[in-house]
């Protein structure tokens, strides 16, 4: 379940800092939420157990609730 975190850490291994997130298109910024973990983010309370990779400094992409 957390294997992707290990993978991200391995990919970022050459750098002592967490991988820098790339800035999303402006139209997507409204869908982003503050990160609560390095390179991860909190999602709405209904799905609090889920996290998404960070794609912008201190922000992350979240999937719209359907």
PDB file of N, CA and C in Angstrom:
ATOM      1  N   UNK A   1       0.833  -1.207   0.000  1.00  0.00           N
ATOM      2  CA  UNK A   1       0.000   0.000   0.000  1.00  0.00           C
ATOM      3  C   UNK A   1       0.863   1.251   0.000  1.00  0.00           C
ATOM      4  N   UNK A   2       1.962   1.189   0.754  1.00  0.00           N
ATOM      5  CA  UNK A   2       2.847   2.343   0.817  1.00  0.00           C
ATOM      6  C   UNK A   2       4.061   2.171  -0.083  1.00  0.00           C
ATOM      7  N   UNK A   3       4.031   1.144  -0.932  1.00  0.00           N
ATOM      8  CA  UNK A   3       5.176   0.886  -1.810  1.00  0.00           C
ATOM      9  C   UNK A   3       5.515   2.077  -2.696  1.00  0.00           C
ATOM     10  N   UNK A   4       4.489   2.833  -3.123  1.00  0.00           N
ATOM     11  CA  UNK A   4       4.761   3.982  -3.996  1.00  0.00           C
ATOM     12  C   UNK A   4       5.574   5.037  -3.280  1.00  0.00           C
ATOM     13  N   UNK A   5       5.402   5.142  -1.945  1.00  0.00           N
ATOM     14  CA  UNK A   5       6.202   6.092  -1.180  1.00  0.00           C
ATOM     15  C   UNK A   5       7.666   5.677  -1.216  1.00  0.00           C
ATOM     16  N   UNK A   6       7.895   4.389  -1.055  1.00  0.00           N
ATOM     17  CA  UNK A   6       9.267   3.885  -1.135  1.00  0.00           C
ATOM     18  C   UNK A   6       9.842   4.151  -2.514  1.00  0.00           C
ATOM     19  N   UNK A   7       9.027   3.934  -3.540  1.00  0.00           N
ATOM     20  CA  UNK A   7       9.470   4.174  -4.904  1.00  0.00           C
ATOM     21  C   UNK A   7       9.839   5.636  -5.102  1.00  0.00           C
ATOM     22  N   UNK A   8       8.985   6.543  -4.615  1.00  0.00           N
ATOM     23  CA  UNK A   8       9.288   7.967  -4.730  1.00  0.00           C
ATOM     24  C   UNK A   8      10.591   8.296  -4.014  1.00  0.00           C
ATOM     25  N   UNK A   9      10.791   7.707  -2.855  1.00  0.00           N
ATOM     26  CA  UNK A   9      12.025   7.944  -2.117  1.00  0.00           C
ATOM     27  C   UNK A   9      13.232   7.449  -2.890  1.00  0.00           C
ATOM     28  N   UNK A  10      13.103   6.302  -3.546  1.00  0.00           N
ATOM     29  CA  UNK A  10      14.207   5.774  -4.349  1.00  0.00           C
ATOM     30  C   UNK A  10      14.489   6.673  -5.545  1.00  0.00           C
ATOM     31  N   UNK A  11      13.428   7.165  -6.170  1.00  0.00           N
ATOM     32  CA  UNK A  11      13.609   8.043  -7.321  1.00  0.00           C
ATOM     33  C   UNK A  11      14.273   9.347  -6.908  1.00  0.00           C
ATOM     34  N   UNK A  12      13.990   9.795  -5.701  1.00  0.00           N
ATOM     35  CA  UNK A  12      14.537  11.064  -5.224  1.00  0.00           C
ATOM     36  C   UNK A  12      15.843  10.876  -4.467  1.00  0.00           C
ATOM     37  N   UNK A  13      16.316   9.629  -4.400  1.00  0.00           N
ATOM     38  CA  UNK A  13      17.496   9.309  -3.603  1.00  0.00           C
ATOM     39  C   UNK A  13      18.707  10.223  -3.811  1.00  0.00           C
ATOM     40  N   UNK A  14      19.063  10.611  -5.048  1.00  0.00           N
ATOM     41  CA  UNK A  14      20.237  11.454  -5.233  1.00  0.00           C
ATOM     42  C   UNK A  14      20.136  12.799  -4.523  1.00  0.00           C
ATOM     43  N   UNK A  15      18.930  13.226  -4.206  1.00  0.00           N
ATOM     44  CA  UNK A  15      18.735  14.521  -3.556  1.00  0.00           C
ATOM     45  C   UNK A  15      18.374  14.323  -2.092  1.00  0.00           C
ATOM     46  N   UNK A  16      18.972  15.108  -1.183  1.00  0.00           N
ATOM     47  CA  UNK A  16      18.634  14.997   0.234  1.00  0.00           C
ATOM     48  C   UNK A  16      17.253  15.567   0.551  1.00  0.00           C
ATOM     49  N   UNK A  17      16.691  16.331  -0.381  1.00  0.00           N
ATOM     50  CA  UNK A  17      15.385  16.948  -0.173  1.00  0.00           C
ATOM     51  C   UNK A  17      14.310  16.133  -0.890  1.00  0.00           C
ATOM     52  N   UNK A  18      13.049  16.260  -0.456  1.00  0.00           N
ATOM     53  CA  UNK A  18      11.963  15.589  -1.180  1.00  0.00           C
ATOM     54  C   UNK A  18      11.900  16.080  -2.618  1.00  0.00           C
ATOM     55  N   UNK A  19      11.445  15.246  -3.510  1.00  0.00           N
ATOM     56  CA  UNK A  19      11.331  15.644  -4.909  1.00  0.00           C
ATOM     57  C   UNK A  19      10.466  16.894  -5.030  1.00  0.00           C
ATOM     58  N   UNK A  20      10.886  17.826  -5.863  1.00  0.00           N
ATOM     59  CA  UNK A  20      10.119  19.052  -6.059  1.00  0.00           C
ATOM     60  C   UNK A  20       8.945  18.752  -6.968  1.00  0.00           C
ATOM     61  N   UNK A  21       7.786  19.203  -6.562  1.00  0.00           N
ATOM     62  CA  UNK A  21       6.598  18.959  -7.376  1.00  0.00           C
ATOM     63  C   UNK A  21       6.539  19.962  -8.521  1.00  0.00           C
ATOM     64  N   UNK A  22       5.987  19.554  -9.630  1.00  0.00           N
ATOM     65  CA  UNK A  22       5.846  20.461 -10.756  1.00  0.00           C
ATOM     66  C   UNK A  22       4.511  21.196 -10.647  1.00  0.00           C
ATOM     67  N   UNK A  23       4.499  22.436 -11.112  1.00  0.00           N
ATOM     68  CA  UNK A  23       3.282  23.246 -11.009  1.00  0.00           C
ATOM     69  C   UNK A  23       2.252  22.773 -12.027  1.00  0.00           C
ATOM     70  N   UNK A  24       0.995  22.618 -11.623  1.00  0.00           N
ATOM     71  CA  UNK A  24      -0.054  22.177 -12.538  1.00  0.00           C
ATOM     72  C   UNK A  24      -0.571  23.324 -13.393  1.00  0.00           C
ATOM     73  N   UNK A  25      -1.369  22.993 -14.373  1.00  0.00           N
ATOM     74  CA  UNK A  25      -2.005  24.027 -15.187  1.00  0.00           C
ATOM     75  C   UNK A  25      -2.932  24.865 -14.299  1.00  0.00           C
ATOM     76  N   UNK A  26      -3.030  26.177 -14.537  1.00  0.00           N
ATOM     77  CA  UNK A  26      -3.878  27.036 -13.693  1.00  0.00           C
ATOM     78  C   UNK A  26      -5.295  26.506 -13.518  1.00  0.00           C
ATOM     79  N   UNK A  27      -5.851  25.922 -14.553  1.00  0.00           N
ATOM     80  CA  UNK A  27      -7.227  25.434 -14.472  1.00  0.00           C
ATOM     81  C   UNK A  27      -7.372  24.300 -13.464  1.00  0.00           C
ATOM     82  N   UNK A  28      -6.254  23.666 -13.096  1.00  0.00           N
ATOM     83  CA  UNK A  28      -6.312  22.551 -12.167  1.00  0.00           C
ATOM     84  C   UNK A  28      -6.094  22.969 -10.716  1.00  0.00           C
ATOM     85  N   UNK A  29      -5.580  24.171 -10.488  1.00  0.00           N
ATOM     86  CA  UNK A  29      -5.210  24.581  -9.145  1.00  0.00           C
ATOM     87  C   UNK A  29      -6.361  24.504  -8.145  1.00  0.00           C
ATOM     88  N   UNK A  30      -7.584  24.757  -8.615  1.00  0.00           N
ATOM     89  CA  UNK A  30      -8.734  24.731  -7.715  1.00  0.00           C
ATOM     90  C   UNK A  30      -8.999  23.335  -7.156  1.00  0.00           C
ATOM     91  N   UNK A  31      -8.461  22.297  -7.802  1.00  0.00           N
ATOM     92  CA  UNK A  31      -8.699  20.925  -7.359  1.00  0.00           C
ATOM     93  C   UNK A  31      -7.623  20.448  -6.395  1.00  0.00           C
ATOM     94  N   UNK A  32      -6.678  21.340  -6.056  1.00  0.00           N
ATOM     95  CA  UNK A  32      -5.567  20.922  -5.224  1.00  0.00           C
ATOM     96  C   UNK A  32      -5.817  21.193  -3.754  1.00  0.00           C
ATOM     97  N   UNK A  33      -5.148  20.418  -2.910  1.00  0.00           N
ATOM     98  CA  UNK A  33      -5.288  20.547  -1.462  1.00  0.00           C
ATOM     99  C   UNK A  33      -3.897  20.610  -0.843  1.00  0.00           C
ATOM    100  N   UNK A  34      -3.752  21.204   0.342  1.00  0.00           N
ATOM    101  CA  UNK A  34      -2.434  21.262   0.982  1.00  0.00           C
ATOM    102  C   UNK A  34      -1.903  19.870   1.310  1.00  0.00           C
ATOM    103  N   UNK A  35      -0.600  19.709   1.161  1.00  0.00           N
ATOM    104  CA  UNK A  35       0.022  18.435   1.516  1.00  0.00           C
ATOM    105  C   UNK A  35       0.138  18.347   3.030  1.00  0.00           C
ATOM    106  N   UNK A  36       0.011  17.146   3.548  1.00  0.00           N
ATOM    107  CA  UNK A  36       0.170  16.941   4.982  1.00  0.00           C
ATOM    108  C   UNK A  36       1.316  15.980   5.271  1.00  0.00           C
ATOM    109  N   UNK A  37       1.898  15.446   4.235  1.00  0.00           N
ATOM    110  CA  UNK A  37       3.024  14.526   4.308  1.00  0.00           C
ATOM    111  C   UNK A  37       3.945  14.927   3.175  1.00  0.00           C
ATOM    112  N   UNK A  38       5.237  14.678   3.255  1.00  0.00           N
ATOM    113  CA  UNK A  38       6.095  14.985   2.095  1.00  0.00           C
ATOM    114  C   UNK A  38       5.570  14.310   0.834  1.00  0.00           C
ATOM    115  N   UNK A  39       5.280  15.102  -0.160  1.00  0.00           N
ATOM    116  CA  UNK A  39       4.827  14.590  -1.454  1.00  0.00           C
ATOM    117  C   UNK A  39       3.483  13.878  -1.425  1.00  0.00           C
ATOM    118  N   UNK A  40       2.711  14.046  -0.345  1.00  0.00           N
ATOM    119  CA  UNK A  40       1.378  13.456  -0.307  1.00  0.00           C
ATOM    120  C   UNK A  40       0.380  14.519   0.158  1.00  0.00           C
ATOM    121  N   UNK A  41      -0.887  14.210   0.125  1.00  0.00           N
ATOM    122  CA  UNK A  41      -1.867  15.216   0.489  1.00  0.00           C
ATOM    123  C   UNK A  41      -3.096  14.615   1.147  1.00  0.00           C
ATOM    124  N   UNK A  42      -3.802  15.458   1.861  1.00  0.00           N
ATOM    125  CA  UNK A  42      -5.050  15.031   2.476  1.00  0.00           C
ATOM    126  C   UNK A  42      -6.179  15.170   1.465  1.00  0.00           C
ATOM    127  N   UNK A  43      -7.144  14.289   1.572  1.00  0.00           N
ATOM    128  CA  UNK A  43      -8.331  14.347   0.717  1.00  0.00           C
ATOM    129  C   UNK A  43      -9.548  14.567   1.617  1.00  0.00           C
ATOM    130  N   UNK A  44     -10.731  14.823   1.053  1.00  0.00           N
ATOM    131  CA  UNK A  44     -11.915  15.088   1.882  1.00  0.00           C
ATOM    132  C   UNK A  44     -12.123  14.044   2.982  1.00  0.00           C
ATOM    133  N   UNK A  45     -12.764  14.460   4.059  1.00  0.00           N
ATOM    134  CA  UNK A  45     -12.934  13.615   5.239  1.00  0.00           C
ATOM    135  C   UNK A  45     -13.491  12.228   4.906  1.00  0.00           C
ATOM    136  N   UNK A  46     -14.373  12.157   3.915  1.00  0.00           N
ATOM    137  CA  UNK A  46     -14.968  10.874   3.560  1.00  0.00           C
ATOM    138  C   UNK A  46     -13.902   9.888   3.090  1.00  0.00           C
ATOM    139  N   UNK A  47     -12.775  10.398   2.617  1.00  0.00           N
ATOM    140  CA  UNK A  47     -11.721   9.534   2.084  1.00  0.00           C
ATOM    141  C   UNK A  47     -10.385   9.855   2.750  1.00  0.00           C
ATOM    142  N   UNK A  48     -10.445  10.229   4.014  1.00  0.00           N
ATOM    143  CA  UNK A  48      -9.247  10.684   4.718  1.00  0.00           C
ATOM    144  C   UNK A  48      -8.120   9.657   4.721  1.00  0.00           C
ATOM    145  N   UNK A  49      -8.464   8.395   4.597  1.00  0.00           N
ATOM    146  CA  UNK A  49      -7.441   7.354   4.609  1.00  0.00           C
ATOM    147  C   UNK A  49      -6.628   7.327   3.319  1.00  0.00           C
ATOM    148  N   UNK A  50      -7.119   8.026   2.297  1.00  0.00           N
ATOM    149  CA  UNK A  50      -6.435   8.009   1.010  1.00  0.00           C
ATOM    150  C   UNK A  50      -5.556   9.250   0.862  1.00  0.00           C
ATOM    151  N   UNK A  51      -4.438   9.097   0.162  1.00  0.00           N
ATOM    152  CA  UNK A  51      -3.578  10.227  -0.146  1.00  0.00           C
ATOM    153  C   UNK A  51      -3.215  10.176  -1.620  1.00  0.00           C
ATOM    154  N   UNK A  52      -2.819  11.305  -2.153  1.00  0.00           N
ATOM    155  CA  UNK A  52      -2.410  11.373  -3.549  1.00  0.00           C
ATOM    156  C   UNK A  52      -1.023  11.997  -3.618  1.00  0.00           C
ATOM    157  N   UNK A  53      -0.232  11.647  -4.624  1.00  0.00           N
ATOM    158  CA  UNK A  53       1.093  12.243  -4.759  1.00  0.00           C
ATOM    159  C   UNK A  53       1.006  13.754  -4.953  1.00  0.00           C
ATOM    160  N   UNK A  54       1.952  14.458  -4.364  1.00  0.00           N
ATOM    161  CA  UNK A  54       2.009  15.905  -4.523  1.00  0.00           C
ATOM    162  C   UNK A  54       2.468  16.252  -5.932  1.00  0.00           C
ATOM    163  N   UNK A  55       1.819  17.238  -6.573  1.00  0.00           N
ATOM    164  CA  UNK A  55       2.214  17.635  -7.915  1.00  0.00           C
ATOM    165  C   UNK A  55       2.525  19.120  -7.992  1.00  0.00           C
ATOM    166  N   UNK A  56       2.482  19.779  -6.857  1.00  0.00           N
ATOM    167  CA  UNK A  56       2.797  21.198  -6.781  1.00  0.00           C
ATOM    168  C   UNK A  56       3.359  21.421  -5.388  1.00  0.00           C
ATOM    169  N   UNK A  57       4.296  22.324  -5.189  1.00  0.00           N
ATOM    170  CA  UNK A  57       4.860  22.489  -3.834  1.00  0.00           C
ATOM    171  C   UNK A  57       3.767  22.643  -2.785  1.00  0.00           C
ATOM    172  N   UNK A  58       3.775  21.745  -1.806  1.00  0.00           N
ATOM    173  CA  UNK A  58       2.815  21.763  -0.699  1.00  0.00           C
ATOM    174  C   UNK A  58       1.374  21.594  -1.128  1.00  0.00           C
ATOM    175  N   UNK A  59       1.147  21.127  -2.337  1.00  0.00           N
ATOM    176  CA  UNK A  59      -0.215  20.890  -2.812  1.00  0.00           C
ATOM    177  C   UNK A  59      -0.261  19.545  -3.508  1.00  0.00           C
ATOM    178  N   UNK A  60      -1.456  19.041  -3.756  1.00  0.00           N
ATOM    179  CA  UNK A  60      -1.545  17.744  -4.399  1.00  0.00           C
ATOM    180  C   UNK A  60      -2.824  17.631  -5.198  1.00  0.00           C
ATOM    181  N   UNK A  61      -2.807  16.743  -6.161  1.00  0.00           N
ATOM    182  CA  UNK A  61      -3.993  16.503  -6.969  1.00  0.00           C
ATOM    183  C   UNK A  61      -4.957  15.624  -6.202  1.00  0.00           C
ATOM    184  N   UNK A  62      -6.225  15.941  -6.269  1.00  0.00           N
ATOM    185  CA  UNK A  62      -7.238  15.095  -5.647  1.00  0.00           C
ATOM    186  C   UNK A  62      -8.253  14.705  -6.710  1.00  0.00           C
ATOM    187  N   UNK A  63      -8.749  13.509  -6.597  1.00  0.00           N
ATOM    188  CA  UNK A  63      -9.741  13.060  -7.562  1.00  0.00           C
ATOM    189  C   UNK A  63     -11.110  13.559  -7.134  1.00  0.00           C
ATOM    190  N   UNK A  64     -11.898  14.130  -8.067  1.00  0.00           N
ATOM    191  CA  UNK A  64     -13.231  14.616  -7.713  1.00  0.00           C
ATOM    192  C   UNK A  64     -14.088  13.502  -7.132  1.00  0.00           C
ATOM    193  N   UNK A  65     -14.849  13.832  -6.102  1.00  0.00           N
ATOM    194  CA  UNK A  65     -15.757  12.833  -5.526  1.00  0.00           C
ATOM    195  C   UNK A  65     -16.940  12.653  -6.458  1.00  0.00           C
ATOM    196  N   UNK A  66     -17.312  11.394  -6.716  1.00  0.00           N
ATOM    197  CA  UNK A  66     -18.435  11.162  -7.621  1.00  0.00           C
ATOM    198  C   UNK A  66     -19.657  10.663  -6.876  1.00  0.00           C
TER     199      UNK A  66
END
